[in-house]
Amino acid sequence: MPLFAHFCDQTHRLVELAADDTASRRCGHLTTALALIELNQHRGVLSCDSSRRLLGERVDRLLEPPPRLLRRHRALTTTVAALVPLLPVLITFAPGLTALS
């Protein structure tokens, strides 16, 4: 089944990306990218083979800066995060507030 083969390839890709993220948090993005290149230098990092193309994409992903959220999105996220702890208080006092009116 081609669909299952695609899932297998994508699972392999996601595992490799997760490993890259873990290594880059511990050692830094540049160090991890250089280590990937050094470990795979004998294979030809930028060739057209799909596994080697994945390696090139992984190195590119490590070297480009992480995307930033827009200012509006950050403000909205901060507001929601600040208001979430008030939800249990509102649930607790809602019956009393409705009884007063």
PDB file of N, CA and C in Angstrom:
ATOM      1  N   MET A   1       0.829  -1.168   0.000  1.00  0.00           N
ATOM      2  CA  MET A   1       0.000   0.000   0.000  1.00  0.00           C
ATOM      3  C   MET A   1       0.886   1.247   0.000  1.00  0.00           C
ATOM      4  N   PRO A   2       0.724   2.105  -0.961  1.00  0.00           N
ATOM      5  CA  PRO A   2       1.543   3.320  -1.024  1.00  0.00           C
ATOM      6  C   PRO A   2       1.320   4.256   0.165  1.00  0.00           C
ATOM      7  N   LEU A   3       0.085   4.275   0.682  1.00  0.00           N
ATOM      8  CA  LEU A   3      -0.205   5.150   1.803  1.00  0.00           C
ATOM      9  C   LEU A   3       0.607   4.765   3.037  1.00  0.00           C
ATOM     10  N   PHE A   4       0.706   3.465   3.311  1.00  0.00           N
ATOM     11  CA  PHE A   4       1.471   3.012   4.471  1.00  0.00           C
ATOM     12  C   PHE A   4       2.957   3.263   4.290  1.00  0.00           C
ATOM     13  N   ALA A   5       3.442   3.147   3.084  1.00  0.00           N
ATOM     14  CA  ALA A   5       4.848   3.457   2.815  1.00  0.00           C
ATOM     15  C   ALA A   5       5.118   4.943   3.063  1.00  0.00           C
ATOM     16  N   HIS A   6       4.165   5.784   2.658  1.00  0.00           N
ATOM     17  CA  HIS A   6       4.304   7.218   2.912  1.00  0.00           C
ATOM     18  C   HIS A   6       4.303   7.505   4.415  1.00  0.00           C
ATOM     19  N   PHE A   7       3.405   6.853   5.167  1.00  0.00           N
ATOM     20  CA  PHE A   7       3.379   7.020   6.621  1.00  0.00           C
ATOM     21  C   PHE A   7       4.693   6.587   7.247  1.00  0.00           C
ATOM     22  N   CYS A   8       5.243   5.502   6.768  1.00  0.00           N
ATOM     23  CA  CYS A   8       6.523   5.011   7.296  1.00  0.00           C
ATOM     24  C   CYS A   8       7.621   6.035   7.046  1.00  0.00           C
ATOM     25  N   ASP A   9       7.664   6.597   5.832  1.00  0.00           N
ATOM     26  CA  ASP A   9       8.673   7.612   5.515  1.00  0.00           C
ATOM     27  C   ASP A   9       8.501   8.848   6.390  1.00  0.00           C
ATOM     28  N   GLN A  10       7.265   9.280   6.570  1.00  0.00           N
ATOM     29  CA  GLN A  10       7.021  10.475   7.370  1.00  0.00           C
ATOM     30  C   GLN A  10       7.330  10.238   8.850  1.00  0.00           C
ATOM     31  N   THR A  11       7.056   9.030   9.341  1.00  0.00           N
ATOM     32  CA  THR A  11       7.394   8.711  10.720  1.00  0.00           C
ATOM     33  C   THR A  11       8.901   8.767  10.914  1.00  0.00           C
ATOM     34  N   HIS A  12       9.642   8.211   9.956  1.00  0.00           N
ATOM     35  CA  HIS A  12      11.102   8.267  10.014  1.00  0.00           C
ATOM     36  C   HIS A  12      11.568   9.720  10.021  1.00  0.00           C
ATOM     37  N   ARG A  13      10.971  10.539   9.194  1.00  0.00           N
ATOM     38  CA  ARG A  13      11.339  11.958   9.102  1.00  0.00           C
ATOM     39  C   ARG A  13      11.056  12.677  10.416  1.00  0.00           C
ATOM     40  N   LEU A  14       9.890  12.428  11.007  1.00  0.00           N
ATOM     41  CA  LEU A  14       9.536  13.092  12.258  1.00  0.00           C
ATOM     42  C   LEU A  14      10.444  12.673  13.413  1.00  0.00           C
ATOM     43  N   VAL A  15      10.828  11.408  13.434  1.00  0.00           N
ATOM     44  CA  VAL A  15      11.753  10.942  14.474  1.00  0.00           C
ATOM     45  C   VAL A  15      13.101  11.632  14.322  1.00  0.00           C
ATOM     46  N   GLU A  16      13.570  11.757  13.101  1.00  0.00           N
ATOM     47  CA  GLU A  16      14.856  12.431  12.867  1.00  0.00           C
ATOM     48  C   GLU A  16      14.775  13.908  13.247  1.00  0.00           C
ATOM     49  N   LEU A  17      13.674  14.578  12.917  1.00  0.00           N
ATOM     50  CA  LEU A  17      13.521  15.984  13.273  1.00  0.00           C
ATOM     51  C   LEU A  17      13.441  16.173  14.785  1.00  0.00           C
ATOM     52  N   ALA A  18      12.771  15.256  15.469  1.00  0.00           N
ATOM     53  CA  ALA A  18      12.704  15.334  16.932  1.00  0.00           C
ATOM     54  C   ALA A  18      14.084  15.139  17.554  1.00  0.00           C
ATOM     55  N   ALA A  19      14.860  14.218  16.983  1.00  0.00           N
ATOM     56  CA  ALA A  19      16.227  14.017  17.475  1.00  0.00           C
ATOM     57  C   ALA A  19      17.080  15.252  17.232  1.00  0.00           C
ATOM     58  N   ASP A  20      16.906  15.880  16.079  1.00  0.00           N
ATOM     59  CA  ASP A  20      17.634  17.121  15.789  1.00  0.00           C
ATOM     60  C   ASP A  20      17.270  18.209  16.787  1.00  0.00           C
ATOM     61  N   ASP A  21      15.982  18.343  17.093  1.00  0.00           N
ATOM     62  CA  ASP A  21      15.547  19.364  18.038  1.00  0.00           C
ATOM     63  C   ASP A  21      16.148  19.129  19.423  1.00  0.00           C
ATOM     64  N   THR A  22      16.159  17.876  19.859  1.00  0.00           N
ATOM     65  CA  THR A  22      16.730  17.560  21.164  1.00  0.00           C
ATOM     66  C   THR A  22      18.221  17.870  21.199  1.00  0.00           C
ATOM     67  N   ALA A  23      18.919  17.470  20.154  1.00  0.00           N
ATOM     68  CA  ALA A  23      20.364  17.729  20.102  1.00  0.00           C
ATOM     69  C   ALA A  23      20.653  19.218  20.014  1.00  0.00           C
ATOM     70  N   SER A  24      19.849  19.957  19.265  1.00  0.00           N
ATOM     71  CA  SER A  24      20.113  21.394  19.124  1.00  0.00           C
ATOM     72  C   SER A  24      19.812  22.147  20.414  1.00  0.00           C
ATOM     73  N   ARG A  25      18.861  21.662  21.212  1.00  0.00           N
ATOM     74  CA  ARG A  25      18.614  22.298  22.506  1.00  0.00           C
ATOM     75  C   ARG A  25      19.792  22.072  23.447  1.00  0.00           C
ATOM     76  N   ARG A  26      20.426  20.927  23.354  1.00  0.00           N
ATOM     77  CA  ARG A  26      21.552  20.622  24.245  1.00  0.00           C
ATOM     78  C   ARG A  26      22.857  21.250  23.778  1.00  0.00           C
ATOM     79  N   CYS A  27      23.094  21.238  22.473  1.00  0.00           N
ATOM     80  CA  CYS A  27      24.413  21.639  21.961  1.00  0.00           C
ATOM     81  C   CYS A  27      24.389  22.877  21.074  1.00  0.00           C
ATOM     82  N   GLY A  28      23.222  23.323  20.669  1.00  0.00           N
ATOM     83  CA  GLY A  28      23.133  24.469  19.781  1.00  0.00           C
ATOM     84  C   GLY A  28      22.849  24.039  18.353  1.00  0.00           C
ATOM     85  N   HIS A  29      22.233  24.938  17.607  1.00  0.00           N
ATOM     86  CA  HIS A  29      21.826  24.634  16.231  1.00  0.00           C
ATOM     87  C   HIS A  29      23.021  24.452  15.299  1.00  0.00           C
ATOM     88  N   LEU A  30      23.973  25.343  15.397  1.00  0.00           N
ATOM     89  CA  LEU A  30      25.127  25.274  14.508  1.00  0.00           C
ATOM     90  C   LEU A  30      25.945  24.023  14.757  1.00  0.00           C
ATOM     91  N   THR A  31      26.176  23.693  16.018  1.00  0.00           N
ATOM     92  CA  THR A  31      26.950  22.496  16.352  1.00  0.00           C
ATOM     93  C   THR A  31      26.260  21.240  15.840  1.00  0.00           C
ATOM     94  N   THR A  32      24.945  21.174  15.995  1.00  0.00           N
ATOM     95  CA  THR A  32      24.198  20.000  15.525  1.00  0.00           C
ATOM     96  C   THR A  32      24.244  19.896  14.006  1.00  0.00           C
ATOM     97  N   ALA A  33      24.099  21.029  13.309  1.00  0.00           N
ATOM     98  CA  ALA A  33      24.164  21.008  11.848  1.00  0.00           C
ATOM     99  C   ALA A  33      25.546  20.578  11.373  1.00  0.00           C
ATOM    100  N   LEU A  34      26.585  21.090  12.000  1.00  0.00           N
ATOM    101  CA  LEU A  34      27.942  20.688  11.617  1.00  0.00           C
ATOM    102  C   LEU A  34      28.192  19.209  11.905  1.00  0.00           C
ATOM    103  N   ALA A  35      27.644  18.709  13.007  1.00  0.00           N
ATOM    104  CA  ALA A  35      27.797  17.293  13.326  1.00  0.00           C
ATOM    105  C   ALA A  35      27.082  16.416  12.298  1.00  0.00           C
ATOM    106  N   LEU A  36      25.896  16.831  11.858  1.00  0.00           N
ATOM    107  CA  LEU A  36      25.187  16.066  10.824  1.00  0.00           C
ATOM    108  C   LEU A  36      25.990  16.014   9.535  1.00  0.00           C
ATOM    109  N   ILE A  37      26.565  17.150   9.171  1.00  0.00           N
ATOM    110  CA  ILE A  37      27.357  17.192   7.935  1.00  0.00           C
ATOM    111  C   ILE A  37      28.602  16.325   8.078  1.00  0.00           C
ATOM    112  N   GLU A  38      29.257  16.427   9.228  1.00  0.00           N
ATOM    113  CA  GLU A  38      30.492  15.663   9.439  1.00  0.00           C
ATOM    114  C   GLU A  38      30.226  14.157   9.454  1.00  0.00           C
ATOM    115  N   LEU A  39      29.152  13.752  10.109  1.00  0.00           N
ATOM    116  CA  LEU A  39      28.844  12.324  10.197  1.00  0.00           C
ATOM    117  C   LEU A  39      28.431  11.727   8.850  1.00  0.00           C
ATOM    118  N   ASN A  40      27.892  12.550   7.967  1.00  0.00           N
ATOM    119  CA  ASN A  40      27.407  12.048   6.686  1.00  0.00           C
ATOM    120  C   ASN A  40      28.231  12.537   5.509  1.00  0.00           C
ATOM    121  N   GLN A  41      29.417  13.021   5.776  1.00  0.00           N
ATOM    122  CA  GLN A  41      30.259  13.587   4.727  1.00  0.00           C
ATOM    123  C   GLN A  41      30.633  12.541   3.675  1.00  0.00           C
ATOM    124  N   HIS A  42      30.857  11.323   4.087  1.00  0.00           N
ATOM    125  CA  HIS A  42      31.250  10.284   3.130  1.00  0.00           C
ATOM    126  C   HIS A  42      30.104   9.883   2.199  1.00  0.00           C
ATOM    127  N   ARG A  43      28.857  10.206   2.566  1.00  0.00           N
ATOM    128  CA  ARG A  43      27.704   9.853   1.733  1.00  0.00           C
ATOM    129  C   ARG A  43      27.391  10.909   0.684  1.00  0.00           C
ATOM    130  N   GLY A  44      27.865  12.103   0.859  1.00  0.00           N
ATOM    131  CA  GLY A  44      27.501  13.193  -0.039  1.00  0.00           C
ATOM    132  C   GLY A  44      26.225  13.838   0.440  1.00  0.00           C
ATOM    133  N   VAL A  45      26.330  14.836   1.264  1.00  0.00           N
ATOM    134  CA  VAL A  45      25.190  15.416   1.978  1.00  0.00           C
ATOM    135  C   VAL A  45      24.137  15.976   1.037  1.00  0.00           C
ATOM    136  N   LEU A  46      24.527  16.591  -0.037  1.00  0.00           N
ATOM    137  CA  LEU A  46      23.549  17.298  -0.867  1.00  0.00           C
ATOM    138  C   LEU A  46      23.216  16.559  -2.153  1.00  0.00           C
ATOM    139  N   SER A  47      23.290  15.265  -2.160  1.00  0.00           N
ATOM    140  CA  SER A  47      22.949  14.524  -3.371  1.00  0.00           C
ATOM    141  C   SER A  47      21.436  14.421  -3.510  1.00  0.00           C
ATOM    142  N   CYS A  48      20.971  13.797  -4.584  1.00  0.00           N
ATOM    143  CA  CYS A  48      19.537  13.772  -4.911  1.00  0.00           C
ATOM    144  C   CYS A  48      18.785  12.603  -4.295  1.00  0.00           C
ATOM    145  N   ASP A  49      19.471  11.658  -3.685  1.00  0.00           N
ATOM    146  CA  ASP A  49      18.798  10.530  -3.062  1.00  0.00           C
ATOM    147  C   ASP A  49      17.868  11.052  -1.963  1.00  0.00           C
ATOM    148  N   SER A  50      16.720  10.397  -1.773  1.00  0.00           N
ATOM    149  CA  SER A  50      15.710  10.934  -0.851  1.00  0.00           C
ATOM    150  C   SER A  50      16.218  10.990   0.579  1.00  0.00           C
ATOM    151  N   SER A  51      16.956   9.976   1.046  1.00  0.00           N
ATOM    152  CA  SER A  51      17.463  10.027   2.420  1.00  0.00           C
ATOM    153  C   SER A  51      18.511  11.111   2.577  1.00  0.00           C
ATOM    154  N   ARG A  52      19.287  11.330   1.530  1.00  0.00           N
ATOM    155  CA  ARG A  52      20.302  12.389   1.592  1.00  0.00           C
ATOM    156  C   ARG A  52      19.665  13.763   1.429  1.00  0.00           C
ATOM    157  N   ARG A  53      18.568  13.826   0.667  1.00  0.00           N
ATOM    158  CA  ARG A  53      17.845  15.085   0.537  1.00  0.00           C
ATOM    159  C   ARG A  53      17.245  15.464   1.884  1.00  0.00           C
ATOM    160  N   LEU A  54      16.760  14.461   2.621  1.00  0.00           N
ATOM    161  CA  LEU A  54      16.243  14.695   3.965  1.00  0.00           C
ATOM    162  C   LEU A  54      17.336  15.274   4.858  1.00  0.00           C
ATOM    163  N   LEU A  55      18.534  14.782   4.710  1.00  0.00           N
ATOM    164  CA  LEU A  55      19.642  15.302   5.500  1.00  0.00           C
ATOM    165  C   LEU A  55      19.895  16.766   5.171  1.00  0.00           C
ATOM    166  N   GLY A  56      19.850  17.120   3.902  1.00  0.00           N
ATOM    167  CA  GLY A  56      20.016  18.516   3.509  1.00  0.00           C
ATOM    168  C   GLY A  56      18.912  19.397   4.075  1.00  0.00           C
ATOM    169  N   GLU A  57      17.684  18.891   4.075  1.00  0.00           N
ATOM    170  CA  GLU A  57      16.568  19.645   4.647  1.00  0.00           C
ATOM    171  C   GLU A  57      16.739  19.808   6.149  1.00  0.00           C
ATOM    172  N   ARG A  58      17.252  18.765   6.799  1.00  0.00           N
ATOM    173  CA  ARG A  58      17.482  18.845   8.243  1.00  0.00           C
ATOM    174  C   ARG A  58      18.534  19.888   8.572  1.00  0.00           C
ATOM    175  N   VAL A  59      19.604  19.927   7.793  1.00  0.00           N
ATOM    176  CA  VAL A  59      20.656  20.913   8.023  1.00  0.00           C
ATOM    177  C   VAL A  59      20.122  22.316   7.769  1.00  0.00           C
ATOM    178  N   ASP A  60      19.374  22.496   6.693  1.00  0.00           N
ATOM    179  CA  ASP A  60      18.786  23.809   6.398  1.00  0.00           C
ATOM    180  C   ASP A  60      17.846  24.253   7.518  1.00  0.00           C
ATOM    181  N   ARG A  61      17.067  23.319   8.037  1.00  0.00           N
ATOM    182  CA  ARG A  61      16.123  23.630   9.110  1.00  0.00           C
ATOM    183  C   ARG A  61      16.860  24.063  10.376  1.00  0.00           C
ATOM    184  N   LEU A  62      17.993  23.432  10.646  1.00  0.00           N
ATOM    185  CA  LEU A  62      18.763  23.804  11.835  1.00  0.00           C
ATOM    186  C   LEU A  62      19.429  25.170  11.682  1.00  0.00           C
ATOM    187  N   LEU A  63      19.788  25.531  10.466  1.00  0.00           N
ATOM    188  CA  LEU A  63      20.531  26.770  10.255  1.00  0.00           C
ATOM    189  C   LEU A  63      19.644  28.003  10.099  1.00  0.00           C
ATOM    190  N   GLU A  64      18.376  27.822   9.724  1.00  0.00           N
ATOM    191  CA  GLU A  64      17.506  28.995   9.588  1.00  0.00           C
ATOM    192  C   GLU A  64      16.918  29.339  10.951  1.00  0.00           C
ATOM    193  N   PRO A  65      16.704  30.623  11.216  1.00  0.00           N
ATOM    194  CA  PRO A  65      16.186  31.009  12.527  1.00  0.00           C
ATOM    195  C   PRO A  65      14.753  30.519  12.706  1.00  0.00           C
ATOM    196  N   PRO A  66      14.370  30.222  13.947  1.00  0.00           N
ATOM    197  CA  PRO A  66      13.001  29.761  14.177  1.00  0.00           C
ATOM    198  C   PRO A  66      12.000  30.877  13.883  1.00  0.00           C
ATOM    199  N   PRO A  67      10.834  30.527  13.372  1.00  0.00           N
ATOM    200  CA  PRO A  67       9.838  31.564  13.055  1.00  0.00           C
ATOM    201  C   PRO A  67       9.319  32.219  14.333  1.00  0.00           C
ATOM    202  N   ARG A  68       9.093  33.506  14.245  1.00  0.00           N
ATOM    203  CA  ARG A  68       8.564  34.262  15.383  1.00  0.00           C
ATOM    204  C   ARG A  68       7.077  34.505  15.191  1.00  0.00           C
ATOM    205  N   LEU A  69       6.378  34.548  16.299  1.00  0.00           N
ATOM    206  CA  LEU A  69       4.964  34.879  16.244  1.00  0.00           C
ATOM    207  C   LEU A  69       4.802  36.377  16.033  1.00  0.00           C
ATOM    208  N   LEU A  70       3.729  36.755  15.373  1.00  0.00           N
ATOM    209  CA  LEU A  70       3.436  38.165  15.201  1.00  0.00           C
ATOM    210  C   LEU A  70       3.109  38.791  16.551  1.00  0.00           C
ATOM    211  N   ARG A  71       3.319  40.088  16.652  1.00  0.00           N
ATOM    212  CA  ARG A  71       3.087  40.795  17.917  1.00  0.00           C
ATOM    213  C   ARG A  71       1.645  40.618  18.391  1.00  0.00           C
ATOM    214  N   ARG A  72       0.700  40.684  17.471  1.00  0.00           N
ATOM    215  CA  ARG A  72      -0.710  40.530  17.831  1.00  0.00           C
ATOM    216  C   ARG A  72      -0.986  39.133  18.378  1.00  0.00           C
ATOM    217  N   HIS A  73      -0.405  38.120  17.749  1.00  0.00           N
ATOM    218  CA  HIS A  73      -0.606  36.744  18.190  1.00  0.00           C
ATOM    219  C   HIS A  73       0.016  36.526  19.575  1.00  0.00           C
ATOM    220  N   ARG A  74       1.196  37.099  19.805  1.00  0.00           N
ATOM    221  CA  ARG A  74       1.831  36.980  21.126  1.00  0.00           C
ATOM    222  C   ARG A  74       0.985  37.649  22.195  1.00  0.00           C
ATOM    223  N   ALA A  75       0.420  38.825  21.893  1.00  0.00           N
ATOM    224  CA  ALA A  75      -0.420  39.534  22.861  1.00  0.00           C
ATOM    225  C   ALA A  75      -1.679  38.735  23.170  1.00  0.00           C
ATOM    226  N   LEU A  76      -2.290  38.164  22.149  1.00  0.00           N
ATOM    227  CA  LEU A  76      -3.484  37.350  22.347  1.00  0.00           C
ATOM    228  C   LEU A  76      -3.171  36.118  23.187  1.00  0.00           C
ATOM    229  N   THR A  77      -2.076  35.458  22.896  1.00  0.00           N
ATOM    230  CA  THR A  77      -1.672  34.265  23.651  1.00  0.00           C
ATOM    231  C   THR A  77      -1.404  34.612  25.114  1.00  0.00           C
ATOM    232  N   THR A  78      -0.740  35.735  25.346  1.00  0.00           N
ATOM    233  CA  THR A  78      -0.461  36.168  26.720  1.00  0.00           C
ATOM    234  C   THR A  78      -1.740  36.481  27.466  1.00  0.00           C
ATOM    235  N   THR A  79      -2.678  37.142  26.810  1.00  0.00           N
ATOM    236  CA  THR A  79      -3.951  37.478  27.436  1.00  0.00           C
ATOM    237  C   THR A  79      -4.734  36.226  27.797  1.00  0.00           C
ATOM    238  N   VAL A  80      -4.806  35.295  26.886  1.00  0.00           N
ATOM    239  CA  VAL A  80      -5.525  34.043  27.152  1.00  0.00           C
ATOM    240  C   VAL A  80      -4.855  33.276  28.291  1.00  0.00           C
ATOM    241  N   ALA A  81      -3.530  33.220  28.286  1.00  0.00           N
ATOM    242  CA  ALA A  81      -2.812  32.505  29.342  1.00  0.00           C
ATOM    243  C   ALA A  81      -3.027  33.167  30.702  1.00  0.00           C
ATOM    244  N   ALA A  82      -3.166  34.485  30.722  1.00  0.00           N
ATOM    245  CA  ALA A  82      -3.406  35.183  31.981  1.00  0.00           C
ATOM    246  C   ALA A  82      -4.836  34.981  32.478  1.00  0.00           C
ATOM    247  N   LEU A  83      -5.788  34.810  31.560  1.00  0.00           N
ATOM    248  CA  LEU A  83      -7.191  34.671  31.953  1.00  0.00           C
ATOM    249  C   LEU A  83      -7.612  33.238  32.273  1.00  0.00           C
ATOM    250  N   VAL A  84      -6.859  32.265  31.807  1.00  0.00           N
ATOM    251  CA  VAL A  84      -7.231  30.861  32.037  1.00  0.00           C
ATOM    252  C   VAL A  84      -7.312  30.526  33.524  1.00  0.00           C
ATOM    253  N   PRO A  85      -6.399  30.998  34.390  1.00  0.00           N
ATOM    254  CA  PRO A  85      -6.540  30.673  35.818  1.00  0.00           C
ATOM    255  C   PRO A  85      -7.799  31.256  36.457  1.00  0.00           C
ATOM    256  N   LEU A  86      -8.414  32.249  35.846  1.00  0.00           N
ATOM    257  CA  LEU A  86      -9.643  32.828  36.397  1.00  0.00           C
ATOM    258  C   LEU A  86     -10.879  31.988  36.097  1.00  0.00           C
ATOM    259  N   LEU A  87     -10.773  31.052  35.201  1.00  0.00           N
ATOM    260  CA  LEU A  87     -11.921  30.227  34.819  1.00  0.00           C
ATOM    261  C   LEU A  87     -12.486  29.423  35.995  1.00  0.00           C
ATOM    262  N   PRO A  88     -11.670  28.745  36.812  1.00  0.00           N
ATOM    263  CA  PRO A  88     -12.257  28.028  37.966  1.00  0.00           C
ATOM    264  C   PRO A  88     -12.963  28.967  38.951  1.00  0.00           C
ATOM    265  N   VAL A  89     -12.425  30.168  39.124  1.00  0.00           N
ATOM    266  CA  VAL A  89     -13.071  31.133  40.022  1.00  0.00           C
ATOM    267  C   VAL A  89     -14.435  31.524  39.470  1.00  0.00           C
ATOM    268  N   LEU A  90     -14.505  31.766  38.181  1.00  0.00           N
ATOM    269  CA  LEU A  90     -15.771  32.117  37.554  1.00  0.00           C
ATOM    270  C   LEU A  90     -16.778  30.977  37.670  1.00  0.00           C
ATOM    271  N   ILE A  91     -16.328  29.763  37.465  1.00  0.00           N
ATOM    272  CA  ILE A  91     -17.229  28.600  37.599  1.00  0.00           C
ATOM    273  C   ILE A  91     -17.719  28.472  39.039  1.00  0.00           C
ATOM    274  N   THR A  92     -16.850  28.750  40.002  1.00  0.00           N
ATOM    275  CA  THR A  92     -17.237  28.621  41.406  1.00  0.00           C
ATOM    276  C   THR A  92     -18.264  29.665  41.799  1.00  0.00           C
ATOM    277  N   PHE A  93     -18.064  30.906  41.372  1.00  0.00           N
ATOM    278  CA  PHE A  93     -18.951  31.989  41.795  1.00  0.00           C
ATOM    279  C   PHE A  93     -20.116  32.252  40.855  1.00  0.00           C
ATOM    280  N   ALA A  94     -20.196  31.580  39.727  1.00  0.00           N
ATOM    281  CA  ALA A  94     -21.276  31.829  38.779  1.00  0.00           C
ATOM    282  C   ALA A  94     -22.652  31.546  39.370  1.00  0.00           C
ATOM    283  N   PRO A  95     -22.858  30.443  40.114  1.00  0.00           N
ATOM    284  CA  PRO A  95     -24.200  30.235  40.683  1.00  0.00           C
ATOM    285  C   PRO A  95     -24.600  31.327  41.678  1.00  0.00           C
ATOM    286  N   GLY A  96     -23.657  31.810  42.463  1.00  0.00           N
ATOM    287  CA  GLY A  96     -23.957  32.880  43.416  1.00  0.00           C
ATOM    288  C   GLY A  96     -24.277  34.180  42.705  1.00  0.00           C
ATOM    289  N   LEU A  97     -23.554  34.470  41.612  1.00  0.00           N
ATOM    290  CA  LEU A  97     -23.808  35.705  40.875  1.00  0.00           C
ATOM    291  C   LEU A  97     -25.173  35.674  40.193  1.00  0.00           C
ATOM    292  N   THR A  98     -25.575  34.499  39.681  1.00  0.00           N
ATOM    293  CA  THR A  98     -26.902  34.408  39.045  1.00  0.00           C
ATOM    294  C   THR A  98     -28.007  34.489  40.092  1.00  0.00           C
ATOM    295  N   ALA A  99     -27.735  34.055  41.327  1.00  0.00           N
ATOM    296  CA  ALA A  99     -28.751  34.127  42.378  1.00  0.00           C
ATOM    297  C   ALA A  99     -28.976  35.564  42.832  1.00  0.00           C
ATOM    298  N   LEU A 100     -27.952  36.415  42.704  1.00  0.00           N
ATOM    299  CA  LEU A 100     -28.096  37.810  43.111  1.00  0.00           C
ATOM    300  C   LEU A 100     -28.952  38.621  42.143  1.00  0.00           C
ATOM    301  N   SER A 101     -29.023  38.189  40.904  1.00  0.00           N
ATOM    302  CA  SER A 101     -29.771  38.986  39.939  1.00  0.00           C
ATOM    303  C   SER A 101     -31.185  38.565  39.767  1.00  0.00           C
TER     304      SER A 101
END
